[in-house]
Structures are given as C-alpha cells and as structure tokens.
Amino acid sequence: MKTKANYFTKQGLSLGGNIHFEKDYFTFKTHLLNFKKETIKVEYKNLLSIELEVIIGPMLRIVLKNGETLAFVVSNRKKIKEFLEEKIKTNL
C-alpha cells in the first residue's frame, strides 16, 4: 500500500512525498520537488500509538516507543490509523 503524504519536521518544514507500507515497516520518502531529501523508516514493532488531529489538515500523529513523534498529513488517515493500530496489536 502507498499513499501521498506531507511530513512535518520538528523544525516546522512540510515535506511532500509518499508513505510505502510494507509487511514489517513503513517508509516515507520525499519527492523530487522538495529542497530537502529525506527518508524515514519505521518498523511496526516500534510503534506506541496513533492519533488523529486536525491542526493543519487531516493529521496523523505517530508516537514511537522511544518517545519520538512523527506527524503526517494524509487524506485517508482513518484507514491508515486502523492499519497501524492492527500492527501495534500484533507486535505487543
């Protein structure tokens, strides 16, 4: 599964790209239009919780077990939230 997303960095930058969901992890890769290239890989076993917010759009906030938080704006966030919550359950 793949979806378009905007990733919000801790510095307040918005980076457009795609999230690719694989069997044991997901990756976010920026597309070529960004001035900053970034790739984020998160293994599902490192997920703690998933939250939905409406701050700058339909935001999906992913909290990791190490305390780090990742924020993405995606259009199908409820479906992604359900998918990731299922991954959290299977990796307890």
Protein backbone atom coordinates (compact mmCIF):
# COMPACT_ATOMS: atom_id res chain seq x y z
CA MET A 1 0.00 0.00 0.00
CA LYS A 2 1.21 3.51 -0.81
CA THR A 3 -0.19 6.99 -0.12
CA LYS A 4 0.81 10.58 -0.74
CA ALA A 5 1.73 12.49 2.42
CA ASN A 6 3.22 15.66 3.82
CA TYR A 7 5.66 15.12 6.66
CA PHE A 8 6.06 17.89 9.23
CA THR A 9 9.58 18.06 10.62
CA LYS A 10 10.47 19.21 14.13
CA GLN A 11 11.74 22.44 12.54
CA GLY A 12 8.27 23.14 11.10
CA LEU A 13 9.07 22.24 7.49
CA SER A 14 6.48 20.45 5.38
CA LEU A 15 7.98 17.86 3.05
CA GLY A 16 5.83 16.22 0.39
CA GLY A 17 6.33 12.61 -0.56
CA ASN A 18 4.93 9.10 -0.28
CA ILE A 19 4.47 6.60 2.52
CA HIS A 20 5.03 2.98 1.49
CA PHE A 21 3.61 0.33 3.82
CA GLU A 22 5.45 -2.97 3.80
CA LYS A 23 4.99 -6.17 5.82
CA ASP A 24 7.16 -5.20 8.83
CA TYR A 25 7.75 -1.45 8.38
CA PHE A 26 6.78 1.70 6.53
CA THR A 27 8.94 4.29 4.82
CA PHE A 28 8.37 7.92 3.95
CA LYS A 29 10.36 9.26 1.03
CA THR A 30 10.29 12.85 -0.15
CA HIS A 31 9.61 13.51 -3.80
CA LEU A 32 11.89 15.45 -6.14
CA LEU A 33 10.12 18.82 -5.69
CA ASN A 34 11.46 19.22 -2.13
CA PHE A 35 14.67 21.14 -1.46
CA LYS A 36 15.46 18.65 1.30
CA LYS A 37 15.61 14.91 0.63
CA GLU A 38 14.58 12.71 3.50
CA THR A 39 13.76 9.04 4.04
CA ILE A 40 12.21 7.76 7.25
CA LYS A 41 11.89 4.05 8.00
CA VAL A 42 9.79 2.86 10.94
CA GLU A 43 9.41 -0.76 11.97
CA TYR A 44 5.91 -1.55 13.23
CA LYS A 45 7.33 -3.10 16.41
CA ASN A 46 8.50 0.43 17.38
CA LEU A 47 5.00 1.97 17.24
CA LEU A 48 3.39 3.06 20.52
CA SER A 49 0.22 4.88 19.46
CA ILE A 50 -1.56 6.57 16.57
CA GLU A 51 -3.53 9.80 16.98
CA LEU A 52 -5.78 11.78 14.63
CA GLU A 53 -5.69 15.57 14.75
CA VAL A 54 -6.92 18.47 12.68
CA ILE A 55 -4.32 21.21 13.07
CA ILE A 56 -3.02 21.90 9.57
CA GLY A 57 -5.28 19.42 7.84
CA PRO A 58 -6.13 15.76 8.40
CA MET A 59 -3.07 15.00 10.53
CA LEU A 60 -1.91 11.55 11.56
CA ARG A 61 0.42 11.67 14.57
CA ILE A 62 2.55 8.55 15.10
CA VAL A 63 4.16 8.11 18.52
CA LEU A 64 7.12 5.74 18.75
CA LYS A 65 8.25 3.74 21.78
CA ASN A 66 11.41 5.88 22.03
CA GLY A 67 9.25 9.00 22.55
CA GLU A 68 9.71 10.41 19.06
CA THR A 69 6.62 11.74 17.29
CA LEU A 70 6.07 11.80 13.54
CA ALA A 71 3.36 14.00 12.01
CA PHE A 72 1.90 13.43 8.56
CA VAL A 73 -1.00 14.95 6.67
CA VAL A 74 -2.70 12.26 4.60
CA SER A 75 -6.13 12.04 3.01
CA ASN A 76 -7.01 8.51 4.14
CA ARG A 77 -5.82 8.83 7.73
CA LYS A 78 -8.61 6.78 9.35
CA LYS A 79 -7.81 3.76 7.17
CA ILE A 80 -4.08 4.18 7.87
CA LYS A 81 -4.74 4.58 11.61
CA GLU A 82 -6.70 1.30 11.65
CA PHE A 83 -3.94 -0.45 9.70
CA LEU A 84 -1.19 0.80 12.04
CA GLU A 85 -3.20 0.03 15.19
CA GLU A 86 -3.56 -3.53 13.97
CA LYS A 87 0.22 -3.68 13.52
CA ILE A 88 0.66 -2.41 17.10
CA LYS A 89 -1.62 -5.21 18.40
CA THR A 90 0.29 -7.91 16.52
CA ASN A 91 3.68 -6.61 17.75
CA LEU A 92 2.95 -6.48 21.50
